[in-house]
Amino acid sequence: MKKNKISKNWQNKQKRDIYFKKSKAQGYRSRSAFKLIEMNNKFNFIKSSTLLLDLGSSPGGWSHVASKKITNGKILAVDIKFMEKIKDVDFINEDFSFEETHKKIINHFKLKIDVVLSDMAANTSGNKSLDSYKTGELCLKSMVLASKILKNDGVFLSKFFMGSIFQEIKEKANKCFKKVINYKPLSSKKESKEIYIYCKGILKPFNFHNL
C-alpha cells in the first residue's frame, strides 16, 4: 500500500512538472531532453557535423535531441538497458565500461570524436550518499573513455551529484581538460542535487586506476 502511495505521488508530481509536460507535447522521450537543449544553447557544442557518443543513453532523450542537430555527423548511443530505435542513431546494447565495448566504440567512429555525453545515474538503493558516490564513479569512468577518444578540442559533458565525490571529480577533470565548468540547468529539479560538468580541450588521457 505504501509503495502504491509513493508511486501515485511521483506520478502526480510528474504531471505537474512543466518539463515533463513539454517533453510529452514535443515528442521527447524524457524531460532530460530539455537539460541538453539548455546546455547546448549555453555552450554551443553540437554542430551539424558533430561525431557524438551518448553513454547511458536509454530511453534516448539526449540522443533524440542530438539527432535533430546533427545532419552530417554521426551519433552512437550505448547503454546496458535497451533503447528503442531513433532515426540516424546507432545503438550498442552493452555496458560502456567493458574493454570490448570500448573497442566497438572506437571501431564504429574510426577516428577521434567531438563530443561525449553522459546522463547516467546509478540505480537507487535508498542510500543517497552511496547512490551519489556510484553515480560519481560512472562520471569518472566516462571521463576516462572521453579523454582517450575525444579530439584535442573535444567536449565531455556528464551528470553527477553533489556529495563526497564532488571534489575528486573536479580535481581529476582539471587534470584532464583545459576548461571545466559546473552547471545546473534550469530544467533540473530544484530539490535535486544533480549537477553537470562541462569539460573542453584535452590536456592528457588517463586511466581510472591512476587518476
N, C-alpha and C. Protein backbone atom coordinates (compact mmCIF):
# COMPACT_ATOMS: atom_id res chain seq x y z
N MET A 1 0.84 -1.20 0.00
CA MET A 1 0.00 0.00 0.00
C MET A 1 0.87 1.25 0.00
N LYS A 2 1.89 1.26 0.85
CA LYS A 2 2.81 2.40 0.96
C LYS A 2 3.52 2.63 -0.38
N LYS A 3 3.94 1.54 -1.02
CA LYS A 3 4.64 1.64 -2.30
C LYS A 3 3.73 2.25 -3.36
N ASN A 4 2.44 1.84 -3.36
CA ASN A 4 1.49 2.37 -4.33
C ASN A 4 1.26 3.86 -4.11
N LYS A 5 1.26 4.28 -2.82
CA LYS A 5 1.06 5.69 -2.49
C LYS A 5 2.24 6.53 -3.00
N ILE A 6 3.46 6.02 -2.79
CA ILE A 6 4.66 6.71 -3.26
C ILE A 6 4.64 6.82 -4.77
N SER A 7 4.26 5.72 -5.44
CA SER A 7 4.19 5.71 -6.90
C SER A 7 3.17 6.73 -7.40
N LYS A 8 2.02 6.83 -6.73
CA LYS A 8 0.98 7.77 -7.13
C LYS A 8 1.45 9.21 -6.94
N ASN A 9 2.15 9.47 -5.82
CA ASN A 9 2.68 10.80 -5.56
C ASN A 9 3.68 11.21 -6.63
N TRP A 10 4.52 10.26 -7.05
CA TRP A 10 5.52 10.52 -8.09
C TRP A 10 4.83 10.85 -9.40
N GLN A 11 3.78 10.09 -9.71
CA GLN A 11 3.03 10.33 -10.95
C GLN A 11 2.37 11.71 -10.94
N ASN A 12 1.85 12.10 -9.79
CA ASN A 12 1.21 13.42 -9.68
C ASN A 12 2.21 14.55 -9.85
N LYS A 13 3.41 14.37 -9.27
CA LYS A 13 4.47 15.38 -9.42
C LYS A 13 4.88 15.50 -10.88
N GLN A 14 5.00 14.35 -11.55
CA GLN A 14 5.37 14.36 -12.96
C GLN A 14 4.35 15.13 -13.80
N LYS A 15 3.08 14.92 -13.50
CA LYS A 15 2.02 15.58 -14.27
C LYS A 15 2.04 17.09 -14.07
N ARG A 16 2.51 17.56 -12.88
CA ARG A 16 2.58 18.98 -12.61
C ARG A 16 3.87 19.61 -13.14
N ASP A 17 4.83 18.78 -13.49
CA ASP A 17 6.14 19.24 -13.93
C ASP A 17 6.05 19.82 -15.35
N ILE A 18 6.42 21.09 -15.49
CA ILE A 18 6.31 21.76 -16.79
C ILE A 18 7.18 21.10 -17.85
N TYR A 19 8.37 20.61 -17.46
CA TYR A 19 9.26 19.99 -18.44
C TYR A 19 8.79 18.60 -18.82
N PHE A 20 8.14 17.93 -17.90
CA PHE A 20 7.54 16.63 -18.21
C PHE A 20 6.43 16.83 -19.25
N LYS A 21 5.61 17.87 -19.04
CA LYS A 21 4.53 18.18 -19.98
C LYS A 21 5.09 18.55 -21.35
N LYS A 22 6.15 19.37 -21.34
CA LYS A 22 6.76 19.80 -22.60
C LYS A 22 7.36 18.62 -23.36
N SER A 23 7.96 17.68 -22.62
CA SER A 23 8.56 16.51 -23.29
C SER A 23 7.49 15.68 -23.98
N LYS A 24 6.33 15.56 -23.34
CA LYS A 24 5.23 14.81 -23.94
C LYS A 24 4.68 15.56 -25.16
N ALA A 25 4.52 16.86 -25.01
CA ALA A 25 3.94 17.67 -26.09
C ALA A 25 4.85 17.73 -27.31
N GLN A 26 6.17 17.75 -27.08
CA GLN A 26 7.12 17.89 -28.18
C GLN A 26 7.70 16.56 -28.66
N GLY A 27 7.23 15.47 -28.08
CA GLY A 27 7.61 14.15 -28.56
C GLY A 27 8.97 13.66 -28.10
N TYR A 28 9.51 14.24 -27.02
CA TYR A 28 10.78 13.74 -26.49
C TYR A 28 10.53 12.57 -25.54
N ARG A 29 11.53 11.73 -25.40
CA ARG A 29 11.35 10.51 -24.61
C ARG A 29 11.49 10.75 -23.10
N SER A 30 12.07 11.87 -22.71
CA SER A 30 12.24 12.17 -21.29
C SER A 30 12.39 13.67 -21.10
N ARG A 31 12.11 14.15 -19.88
CA ARG A 31 12.25 15.57 -19.57
C ARG A 31 13.71 16.01 -19.62
N SER A 32 14.63 15.06 -19.50
CA SER A 32 16.06 15.39 -19.52
C SER A 32 16.49 15.96 -20.87
N ALA A 33 15.66 15.79 -21.90
CA ALA A 33 15.97 16.36 -23.21
C ALA A 33 16.19 17.87 -23.10
N PHE A 34 15.40 18.52 -22.22
CA PHE A 34 15.49 19.97 -22.10
C PHE A 34 16.76 20.41 -21.38
N LYS A 35 17.34 19.52 -20.59
CA LYS A 35 18.63 19.84 -19.96
C LYS A 35 19.71 19.95 -21.02
N LEU A 36 19.72 19.01 -21.95
CA LEU A 36 20.72 19.05 -23.02
C LEU A 36 20.47 20.24 -23.95
N ILE A 37 19.22 20.50 -24.27
CA ILE A 37 18.90 21.65 -25.13
C ILE A 37 19.42 22.94 -24.49
N GLU A 38 19.17 23.10 -23.20
CA GLU A 38 19.62 24.30 -22.49
C GLU A 38 21.14 24.40 -22.46
N MET A 39 21.81 23.28 -22.17
CA MET A 39 23.27 23.32 -22.08
C MET A 39 23.92 23.53 -23.44
N ASN A 40 23.30 22.99 -24.49
CA ASN A 40 23.84 23.22 -25.83
C ASN A 40 23.63 24.68 -26.26
N ASN A 41 22.50 25.26 -25.85
CA ASN A 41 22.28 26.69 -26.13
C ASN A 41 23.33 27.55 -25.44
N LYS A 42 23.73 27.13 -24.26
CA LYS A 42 24.73 27.90 -23.50
C LYS A 42 26.14 27.71 -24.04
N PHE A 43 26.53 26.45 -24.29
CA PHE A 43 27.92 26.15 -24.65
C PHE A 43 28.13 25.92 -26.15
N ASN A 44 27.04 25.67 -26.88
CA ASN A 44 27.09 25.56 -28.35
C ASN A 44 28.13 24.53 -28.84
N PHE A 45 27.96 23.28 -28.44
CA PHE A 45 28.95 22.26 -28.79
C PHE A 45 28.44 21.20 -29.76
N ILE A 46 27.14 21.17 -30.04
CA ILE A 46 26.60 20.21 -31.00
C ILE A 46 26.36 20.92 -32.33
N LYS A 47 27.10 20.51 -33.36
CA LYS A 47 27.01 21.11 -34.69
C LYS A 47 26.44 20.08 -35.67
N SER A 48 26.21 20.51 -36.89
CA SER A 48 25.64 19.61 -37.89
C SER A 48 26.56 18.44 -38.23
N SER A 49 27.88 18.64 -38.11
CA SER A 49 28.84 17.59 -38.48
C SER A 49 29.47 16.89 -37.28
N THR A 50 28.91 17.06 -36.10
CA THR A 50 29.48 16.51 -34.87
C THR A 50 29.48 14.98 -34.85
N LEU A 51 30.58 14.42 -34.37
CA LEU A 51 30.67 12.98 -34.05
C LEU A 51 30.44 12.86 -32.55
N LEU A 52 29.34 12.19 -32.17
CA LEU A 52 28.90 12.23 -30.78
C LEU A 52 28.64 10.84 -30.21
N LEU A 53 29.09 10.64 -28.98
CA LEU A 53 28.85 9.40 -28.23
C LEU A 53 27.98 9.72 -27.04
N ASP A 54 26.86 9.00 -26.91
CA ASP A 54 25.91 9.19 -25.81
C ASP A 54 25.95 7.96 -24.91
N LEU A 55 26.56 8.09 -23.74
CA LEU A 55 26.71 6.97 -22.80
C LEU A 55 25.52 6.92 -21.84
N GLY A 56 25.04 5.72 -21.58
CA GLY A 56 23.87 5.56 -20.72
C GLY A 56 22.66 6.22 -21.35
N SER A 57 22.46 5.96 -22.63
CA SER A 57 21.53 6.73 -23.46
C SER A 57 20.05 6.46 -23.22
N SER A 58 19.69 5.26 -22.79
CA SER A 58 18.28 4.88 -22.66
C SER A 58 17.55 5.78 -21.65
N PRO A 59 16.34 6.23 -21.96
CA PRO A 59 15.45 5.86 -23.07
C PRO A 59 15.72 6.58 -24.39
N GLY A 60 16.66 7.53 -24.40
CA GLY A 60 17.03 8.15 -25.67
C GLY A 60 16.77 9.64 -25.78
N GLY A 61 16.46 10.29 -24.67
CA GLY A 61 16.16 11.72 -24.69
C GLY A 61 17.27 12.57 -25.28
N TRP A 62 18.51 12.31 -24.84
CA TRP A 62 19.64 13.11 -25.31
C TRP A 62 20.00 12.76 -26.76
N SER A 63 19.96 11.50 -27.11
CA SER A 63 20.25 11.10 -28.49
C SER A 63 19.24 11.71 -29.45
N HIS A 64 17.98 11.78 -29.02
CA HIS A 64 16.93 12.37 -29.85
C HIS A 64 17.21 13.84 -30.11
N VAL A 65 17.59 14.58 -29.05
CA VAL A 65 17.94 16.00 -29.21
C VAL A 65 19.12 16.15 -30.17
N ALA A 66 20.15 15.33 -29.97
CA ALA A 66 21.34 15.41 -30.82
C ALA A 66 21.00 15.11 -32.28
N SER A 67 20.10 14.16 -32.50
CA SER A 67 19.75 13.76 -33.87
C SER A 67 19.06 14.89 -34.64
N LYS A 68 18.45 15.82 -33.93
CA LYS A 68 17.80 16.96 -34.58
C LYS A 68 18.83 18.00 -35.02
N LYS A 69 19.99 17.98 -34.38
CA LYS A 69 21.05 18.96 -34.67
C LYS A 69 22.08 18.41 -35.67
N ILE A 70 22.35 17.12 -35.56
CA ILE A 70 23.44 16.52 -36.34
C ILE A 70 22.90 15.92 -37.64
N THR A 71 23.28 16.52 -38.75
CA THR A 71 22.79 16.07 -40.06
C THR A 71 23.89 15.45 -40.92
N ASN A 72 25.13 15.85 -40.67
CA ASN A 72 26.25 15.33 -41.47
C ASN A 72 27.31 14.62 -40.62
N GLY A 73 27.01 14.39 -39.36
CA GLY A 73 27.95 13.73 -38.46
C GLY A 73 27.53 12.29 -38.18
N LYS A 74 27.76 11.88 -36.94
CA LYS A 74 27.44 10.50 -36.57
C LYS A 74 27.14 10.46 -35.07
N ILE A 75 26.11 9.68 -34.71
CA ILE A 75 25.73 9.52 -33.30
C ILE A 75 25.73 8.05 -32.94
N LEU A 76 26.41 7.72 -31.84
CA LEU A 76 26.39 6.37 -31.30
C LEU A 76 25.90 6.43 -29.87
N ALA A 77 24.85 5.67 -29.56
CA ALA A 77 24.32 5.57 -28.21
C ALA A 77 24.71 4.22 -27.63
N VAL A 78 25.04 4.22 -26.33
CA VAL A 78 25.46 2.99 -25.65
C VAL A 78 24.74 2.90 -24.31
N ASP A 79 24.15 1.75 -24.05
CA ASP A 79 23.51 1.55 -22.74
C ASP A 79 23.34 0.06 -22.49
N ILE A 80 23.44 -0.32 -21.23
CA ILE A 80 23.19 -1.70 -20.82
C ILE A 80 21.69 -2.00 -20.90
N LYS A 81 20.87 -0.93 -20.83
CA LYS A 81 19.42 -1.07 -20.99
C LYS A 81 19.05 -0.92 -22.46
N PHE A 82 17.98 -1.57 -22.85
CA PHE A 82 17.53 -1.48 -24.24
C PHE A 82 17.02 -0.07 -24.55
N MET A 83 17.22 0.39 -25.77
CA MET A 83 16.71 1.68 -26.22
C MET A 83 15.99 1.50 -27.54
N GLU A 84 14.79 2.03 -27.63
CA GLU A 84 14.04 1.98 -28.89
C GLU A 84 14.79 2.77 -29.96
N LYS A 85 14.66 2.33 -31.19
CA LYS A 85 15.37 2.93 -32.32
C LYS A 85 15.04 4.42 -32.49
N ILE A 86 16.08 5.21 -32.74
CA ILE A 86 15.95 6.61 -33.10
C ILE A 86 16.60 6.78 -34.47
N LYS A 87 15.93 7.47 -35.36
CA LYS A 87 16.45 7.67 -36.71
C LYS A 87 17.82 8.34 -36.66
N ASP A 88 18.75 7.78 -37.43
CA ASP A 88 20.12 8.30 -37.57
C ASP A 88 20.96 8.15 -36.31
N VAL A 89 20.53 7.28 -35.40
CA VAL A 89 21.31 7.00 -34.19
C VAL A 89 21.61 5.50 -34.14
N ASP A 90 22.88 5.14 -34.08
CA ASP A 90 23.27 3.74 -33.91
C ASP A 90 23.33 3.42 -32.43
N PHE A 91 23.10 2.15 -32.10
CA PHE A 91 22.98 1.78 -30.69
C PHE A 91 23.74 0.49 -30.39
N ILE A 92 24.51 0.51 -29.30
CA ILE A 92 25.18 -0.68 -28.77
C ILE A 92 24.57 -1.00 -27.41
N ASN A 93 23.95 -2.16 -27.29
CA ASN A 93 23.27 -2.58 -26.07
C ASN A 93 24.24 -3.35 -25.16
N GLU A 94 25.20 -2.61 -24.58
CA GLU A 94 26.22 -3.22 -23.74
C GLU A 94 26.65 -2.26 -22.63
N ASP A 95 27.41 -2.78 -21.67
CA ASP A 95 27.99 -1.98 -20.60
C ASP A 95 29.15 -1.16 -21.17
N PHE A 96 29.08 0.16 -21.07
CA PHE A 96 30.09 1.02 -21.69
C PHE A 96 31.47 0.85 -21.06
N SER A 97 31.52 0.35 -19.82
CA SER A 97 32.79 0.27 -19.10
C SER A 97 33.65 -0.94 -19.51
N PHE A 98 33.07 -1.88 -20.26
CA PHE A 98 33.83 -3.06 -20.70
C PHE A 98 34.83 -2.68 -21.78
N GLU A 99 35.99 -3.30 -21.74
CA GLU A 99 37.03 -3.04 -22.73
C GLU A 99 36.56 -3.40 -24.14
N GLU A 100 35.79 -4.48 -24.25
CA GLU A 100 35.27 -4.89 -25.56
C GLU A 100 34.33 -3.83 -26.14
N THR A 101 33.55 -3.20 -25.26
CA THR A 101 32.65 -2.14 -25.72
C THR A 101 33.46 -0.94 -26.18
N HIS A 102 34.54 -0.62 -25.47
CA HIS A 102 35.44 0.47 -25.89
C HIS A 102 35.93 0.22 -27.31
N LYS A 103 36.31 -1.02 -27.59
CA LYS A 103 36.82 -1.37 -28.92
C LYS A 103 35.75 -1.17 -29.99
N LYS A 104 34.52 -1.55 -29.65
CA LYS A 104 33.41 -1.39 -30.61
C LYS A 104 33.13 0.09 -30.88
N ILE A 105 33.23 0.90 -29.83
CA ILE A 105 33.01 2.34 -29.98
C ILE A 105 34.08 2.95 -30.88
N ILE A 106 35.33 2.61 -30.61
CA ILE A 106 36.45 3.12 -31.41
C ILE A 106 36.33 2.67 -32.86
N ASN A 107 35.96 1.42 -33.05
CA ASN A 107 35.82 0.87 -34.40
C ASN A 107 34.65 1.52 -35.15
N HIS A 108 33.62 1.88 -34.42
CA HIS A 108 32.45 2.50 -35.04
C HIS A 108 32.80 3.85 -35.65
N PHE A 109 33.53 4.68 -34.90
CA PHE A 109 33.86 6.01 -35.38
C PHE A 109 35.12 6.03 -36.27
N LYS A 110 36.07 5.15 -35.91
CA LYS A 110 37.33 5.01 -36.66
C LYS A 110 38.23 6.26 -36.62
N LEU A 111 37.88 7.24 -35.82
CA LEU A 111 38.73 8.42 -35.63
C LEU A 111 38.27 9.13 -34.37
N LYS A 112 39.04 10.11 -33.94
CA LYS A 112 38.69 10.85 -32.73
C LYS A 112 37.37 11.58 -32.93
N ILE A 113 36.62 11.76 -31.84
CA ILE A 113 35.29 12.35 -31.96
C ILE A 113 35.20 13.70 -31.26
N ASP A 114 34.03 14.36 -31.43
CA ASP A 114 33.86 15.73 -30.95
C ASP A 114 33.24 15.83 -29.55
N VAL A 115 32.30 14.94 -29.26
CA VAL A 115 31.52 15.08 -28.02
C VAL A 115 31.25 13.72 -27.38
N VAL A 116 31.42 13.67 -26.06
CA VAL A 116 30.99 12.51 -25.27
C VAL A 116 30.01 13.01 -24.21
N LEU A 117 28.80 12.45 -24.20
CA LEU A 117 27.77 12.81 -23.24
C LEU A 117 27.52 11.67 -22.27
N SER A 118 27.19 12.02 -21.03
CA SER A 118 26.77 11.00 -20.07
C SER A 118 25.74 11.60 -19.12
N ASP A 119 24.53 11.05 -19.20
CA ASP A 119 23.47 11.46 -18.27
C ASP A 119 23.15 10.30 -17.33
N MET A 120 24.14 9.47 -17.12
CA MET A 120 23.94 8.26 -16.31
C MET A 120 23.82 8.55 -14.82
N ALA A 121 23.02 7.73 -14.17
CA ALA A 121 22.93 7.76 -12.71
C ALA A 121 22.83 6.32 -12.23
N ALA A 122 23.43 6.04 -11.10
CA ALA A 122 23.39 4.69 -10.54
C ALA A 122 21.96 4.33 -10.12
N ASN A 123 21.65 3.05 -10.16
CA ASN A 123 20.33 2.60 -9.68
C ASN A 123 20.18 2.96 -8.21
N THR A 124 19.01 3.46 -7.86
CA THR A 124 18.80 3.90 -6.48
C THR A 124 18.72 2.71 -5.53
N SER A 125 19.37 2.88 -4.37
CA SER A 125 19.41 1.82 -3.37
C SER A 125 18.68 2.23 -2.09
N GLY A 126 18.32 3.52 -2.00
CA GLY A 126 17.73 4.03 -0.77
C GLY A 126 18.74 4.77 0.08
N ASN A 127 20.03 4.54 -0.22
CA ASN A 127 21.11 5.24 0.47
C ASN A 127 21.62 6.35 -0.46
N LYS A 128 21.22 7.59 -0.19
CA LYS A 128 21.53 8.69 -1.10
C LYS A 128 23.03 8.95 -1.23
N SER A 129 23.75 8.80 -0.15
CA SER A 129 25.20 9.03 -0.18
C SER A 129 25.88 8.00 -1.07
N LEU A 130 25.46 6.74 -0.93
CA LEU A 130 26.03 5.67 -1.74
C LEU A 130 25.67 5.84 -3.21
N ASP A 131 24.41 6.18 -3.47
CA ASP A 131 23.96 6.39 -4.85
C ASP A 131 24.74 7.53 -5.50
N SER A 132 24.95 8.60 -4.73
CA SER A 132 25.71 9.75 -5.23
C SER A 132 27.13 9.34 -5.59
N TYR A 133 27.74 8.55 -4.72
CA TYR A 133 29.11 8.12 -4.95
C TYR A 133 29.20 7.23 -6.20
N LYS A 134 28.27 6.31 -6.35
CA LYS A 134 28.28 5.40 -7.50
C LYS A 134 28.05 6.15 -8.81
N THR A 135 27.18 7.16 -8.77
CA THR A 135 26.97 7.99 -9.96
C THR A 135 28.24 8.76 -10.29
N GLY A 136 28.94 9.22 -9.25
CA GLY A 136 30.22 9.90 -9.45
C GLY A 136 31.25 8.98 -10.09
N GLU A 137 31.25 7.72 -9.72
CA GLU A 137 32.16 6.76 -10.33
C GLU A 137 31.85 6.57 -11.82
N LEU A 138 30.56 6.57 -12.15
CA LEU A 138 30.17 6.47 -13.57
C LEU A 138 30.68 7.68 -14.34
N CYS A 139 30.61 8.85 -13.71
CA CYS A 139 31.12 10.07 -14.33
C CYS A 139 32.63 9.94 -14.57
N LEU A 140 33.36 9.44 -13.59
CA LEU A 140 34.81 9.28 -13.73
C LEU A 140 35.17 8.28 -14.82
N LYS A 141 34.45 7.17 -14.86
CA LYS A 141 34.71 6.16 -15.90
C LYS A 141 34.41 6.71 -17.29
N SER A 142 33.35 7.51 -17.39
CA SER A 142 33.03 8.15 -18.67
C SER A 142 34.12 9.13 -19.06
N MET A 143 34.65 9.83 -18.07
CA MET A 143 35.71 10.80 -18.30
C MET A 143 36.97 10.13 -18.84
N VAL A 144 37.28 8.97 -18.30
CA VAL A 144 38.44 8.21 -18.77
C VAL A 144 38.29 7.88 -20.25
N LEU A 145 37.13 7.34 -20.61
CA LEU A 145 36.89 6.98 -22.01
C LEU A 145 36.93 8.23 -22.89
N ALA A 146 36.30 9.30 -22.43
CA ALA A 146 36.27 10.55 -23.20
C ALA A 146 37.68 11.08 -23.45
N SER A 147 38.53 10.99 -22.45
CA SER A 147 39.89 11.53 -22.60
C SER A 147 40.71 10.77 -23.65
N LYS A 148 40.29 9.54 -23.92
CA LYS A 148 41.02 8.71 -24.89
C LYS A 148 40.50 8.88 -26.32
N ILE A 149 39.22 9.20 -26.46
CA ILE A 149 38.63 9.18 -27.81
C ILE A 149 38.25 10.55 -28.36
N LEU A 150 38.34 11.60 -27.52
CA LEU A 150 37.98 12.94 -27.98
C LEU A 150 39.11 13.60 -28.78
N LYS A 151 38.72 14.46 -29.70
CA LYS A 151 39.68 15.31 -30.39
C LYS A 151 40.28 16.28 -29.37
N ASN A 152 41.35 16.95 -29.74
CA ASN A 152 42.04 17.87 -28.82
C ASN A 152 41.12 18.96 -28.28
N ASP A 153 40.16 19.40 -29.10
CA ASP A 153 39.23 20.44 -28.65
C ASP A 153 37.85 19.86 -28.33
N GLY A 154 37.81 18.55 -28.07
CA GLY A 154 36.55 17.86 -27.81
C GLY A 154 35.88 18.25 -26.51
N VAL A 155 34.59 17.88 -26.39
CA VAL A 155 33.77 18.24 -25.24
C VAL A 155 33.28 16.98 -24.52
N PHE A 156 33.39 17.02 -23.20
CA PHE A 156 32.84 15.97 -22.34
C PHE A 156 31.82 16.62 -21.42
N LEU A 157 30.59 16.08 -21.40
CA LEU A 157 29.52 16.61 -20.55
C LEU A 157 28.91 15.46 -19.77
N SER A 158 28.91 15.57 -18.45
CA SER A 158 28.44 14.45 -17.64
C SER A 158 27.69 14.92 -16.40
N LYS A 159 26.72 14.11 -16.01
CA LYS A 159 25.99 14.34 -14.77
C LYS A 159 26.72 13.72 -13.58
N PHE A 160 26.60 14.36 -12.43
CA PHE A 160 26.98 13.73 -11.16
C PHE A 160 26.14 14.40 -10.07
N PHE A 161 26.26 13.93 -8.84
CA PHE A 161 25.51 14.51 -7.74
C PHE A 161 26.45 15.11 -6.72
N MET A 162 26.07 16.27 -6.19
CA MET A 162 26.88 16.89 -5.15
C MET A 162 26.98 15.95 -3.96
N GLY A 163 28.19 15.74 -3.49
CA GLY A 163 28.40 14.83 -2.37
C GLY A 163 29.87 14.60 -2.14
N SER A 164 30.18 13.48 -1.53
CA SER A 164 31.56 13.20 -1.11
C SER A 164 32.54 13.09 -2.28
N ILE A 165 32.04 12.76 -3.47
CA ILE A 165 32.93 12.53 -4.61
C ILE A 165 33.11 13.79 -5.48
N PHE A 166 32.40 14.86 -5.12
CA PHE A 166 32.44 16.08 -5.93
C PHE A 166 33.86 16.61 -6.12
N GLN A 167 34.61 16.74 -5.03
CA GLN A 167 35.95 17.30 -5.11
C GLN A 167 36.87 16.45 -5.97
N GLU A 168 36.72 15.13 -5.86
CA GLU A 168 37.54 14.21 -6.64
C GLU A 168 37.27 14.39 -8.14
N ILE A 169 35.99 14.49 -8.51
CA ILE A 169 35.64 14.68 -9.91
C ILE A 169 36.21 15.99 -10.44
N LYS A 170 36.07 17.05 -9.65
CA LYS A 170 36.56 18.37 -10.05
C LYS A 170 38.08 18.35 -10.27
N GLU A 171 38.81 17.77 -9.32
CA GLU A 171 40.27 17.74 -9.41
C GLU A 171 40.74 16.94 -10.62
N LYS A 172 40.10 15.81 -10.87
CA LYS A 172 40.52 14.95 -11.97
C LYS A 172 40.13 15.53 -13.33
N ALA A 173 39.00 16.23 -13.37
CA ALA A 173 38.62 16.91 -14.60
C ALA A 173 39.62 18.01 -14.94
N ASN A 174 40.07 18.73 -13.93
CA ASN A 174 41.04 19.81 -14.16
C ASN A 174 42.41 19.29 -14.60
N LYS A 175 42.72 18.04 -14.26
CA LYS A 175 43.97 17.44 -14.72
C LYS A 175 43.88 17.00 -16.18
N CYS A 176 42.68 16.71 -16.62
CA CYS A 176 42.49 16.15 -17.95
C CYS A 176 42.07 17.17 -19.00
N PHE A 177 41.31 18.20 -18.58
CA PHE A 177 40.73 19.15 -19.54
C PHE A 177 41.20 20.58 -19.29
N LYS A 178 41.24 21.35 -20.37
CA LYS A 178 41.67 22.76 -20.28
C LYS A 178 40.60 23.63 -19.62
N LYS A 179 39.34 23.37 -19.94
CA LYS A 179 38.24 24.17 -19.38
C LYS A 179 37.28 23.25 -18.66
N VAL A 180 36.91 23.60 -17.42
CA VAL A 180 35.98 22.80 -16.62
C VAL A 180 34.97 23.74 -15.98
N ILE A 181 33.68 23.50 -16.26
CA ILE A 181 32.61 24.35 -15.71
C ILE A 181 31.53 23.46 -15.11
N ASN A 182 31.11 23.76 -13.88
CA ASN A 182 29.97 23.07 -13.28
C ASN A 182 28.71 23.88 -13.57
N TYR A 183 27.64 23.17 -13.98
CA TYR A 183 26.44 23.88 -14.41
C TYR A 183 25.19 23.11 -14.01
N LYS A 184 24.21 23.82 -13.47
CA LYS A 184 22.92 23.20 -13.15
C LYS A 184 21.84 23.82 -14.03
N PRO A 185 21.29 23.05 -14.95
CA PRO A 185 20.27 23.58 -15.87
C PRO A 185 19.01 24.01 -15.12
N LEU A 186 18.30 24.98 -15.66
CA LEU A 186 17.04 25.42 -15.07
C LEU A 186 16.03 24.29 -15.06
N SER A 187 16.14 23.39 -16.04
CA SER A 187 15.20 22.27 -16.14
C SER A 187 15.50 21.15 -15.15
N SER A 188 16.62 21.26 -14.45
CA SER A 188 16.92 20.29 -13.39
C SER A 188 16.06 20.63 -12.18
N LYS A 189 15.46 19.64 -11.56
CA LYS A 189 14.56 19.88 -10.43
C LYS A 189 15.31 20.58 -9.29
N LYS A 190 14.69 21.60 -8.70
CA LYS A 190 15.34 22.41 -7.66
C LYS A 190 15.81 21.58 -6.49
N GLU A 191 15.01 20.57 -6.14
CA GLU A 191 15.36 19.76 -4.96
C GLU A 191 16.45 18.73 -5.26
N SER A 192 16.76 18.55 -6.54
CA SER A 192 17.78 17.56 -6.93
C SER A 192 19.19 18.10 -6.70
N LYS A 193 20.09 17.23 -6.28
CA LYS A 193 21.49 17.60 -6.08
C LYS A 193 22.32 17.34 -7.33
N GLU A 194 21.63 17.00 -8.43
CA GLU A 194 22.38 16.74 -9.66
C GLU A 194 22.99 18.02 -10.21
N ILE A 195 24.14 17.86 -10.82
CA ILE A 195 24.83 18.96 -11.47
C ILE A 195 25.59 18.37 -12.65
N TYR A 196 25.91 19.19 -13.62
CA TYR A 196 26.62 18.71 -14.80
C TYR A 196 28.00 19.36 -14.88
N ILE A 197 28.95 18.58 -15.34
CA ILE A 197 30.30 19.09 -15.53
C ILE A 197 30.58 19.16 -17.03
N TYR A 198 30.90 20.37 -17.49
CA TYR A 198 31.20 20.62 -18.90
C TYR A 198 32.71 20.80 -19.02
N CYS A 199 33.32 19.94 -19.82
CA CYS A 199 34.77 19.97 -19.98
C CYS A 199 35.12 20.11 -21.46
N LYS A 200 36.12 20.93 -21.75
CA LYS A 200 36.53 21.11 -23.14
C LYS A 200 38.04 21.20 -23.26
N GLY A 201 38.59 20.54 -24.29
CA GLY A 201 40.01 20.61 -24.59
C GLY A 201 40.83 19.62 -23.78
N ILE A 202 41.35 18.61 -24.45
CA ILE A 202 42.10 17.56 -23.77
C ILE A 202 43.50 18.04 -23.37
N LEU A 203 43.84 17.84 -22.11
CA LEU A 203 45.20 18.06 -21.64
C LEU A 203 46.00 16.77 -21.74
N LYS A 204 45.40 15.68 -21.24
CA LYS A 204 46.03 14.36 -21.35
C LYS A 204 45.01 13.27 -21.05
N PRO A 205 45.13 12.14 -21.71
CA PRO A 205 44.28 10.98 -21.37
C PRO A 205 44.79 10.32 -20.10
N PHE A 206 43.92 9.61 -19.39
CA PHE A 206 44.37 8.92 -18.20
C PHE A 206 43.58 7.65 -17.97
N ASN A 207 44.05 6.86 -17.04
CA ASN A 207 43.39 5.61 -16.69
C ASN A 207 42.67 5.77 -15.36
N PHE A 208 41.58 5.02 -15.18
CA PHE A 208 40.76 5.12 -13.97
C PHE A 208 41.57 4.83 -12.71
N HIS A 209 42.46 3.87 -12.77
CA HIS A 209 43.17 3.43 -11.57
C HIS A 209 44.29 4.36 -11.14
N ASN A 210 44.76 5.23 -12.04
CA ASN A 210 45.83 6.12 -11.61
C ASN A 210 45.41 7.59 -11.66
N LEU A 211 44.07 7.81 -11.58
CA LEU A 211 43.57 9.19 -11.55
C LEU A 211 44.06 9.88 -10.28
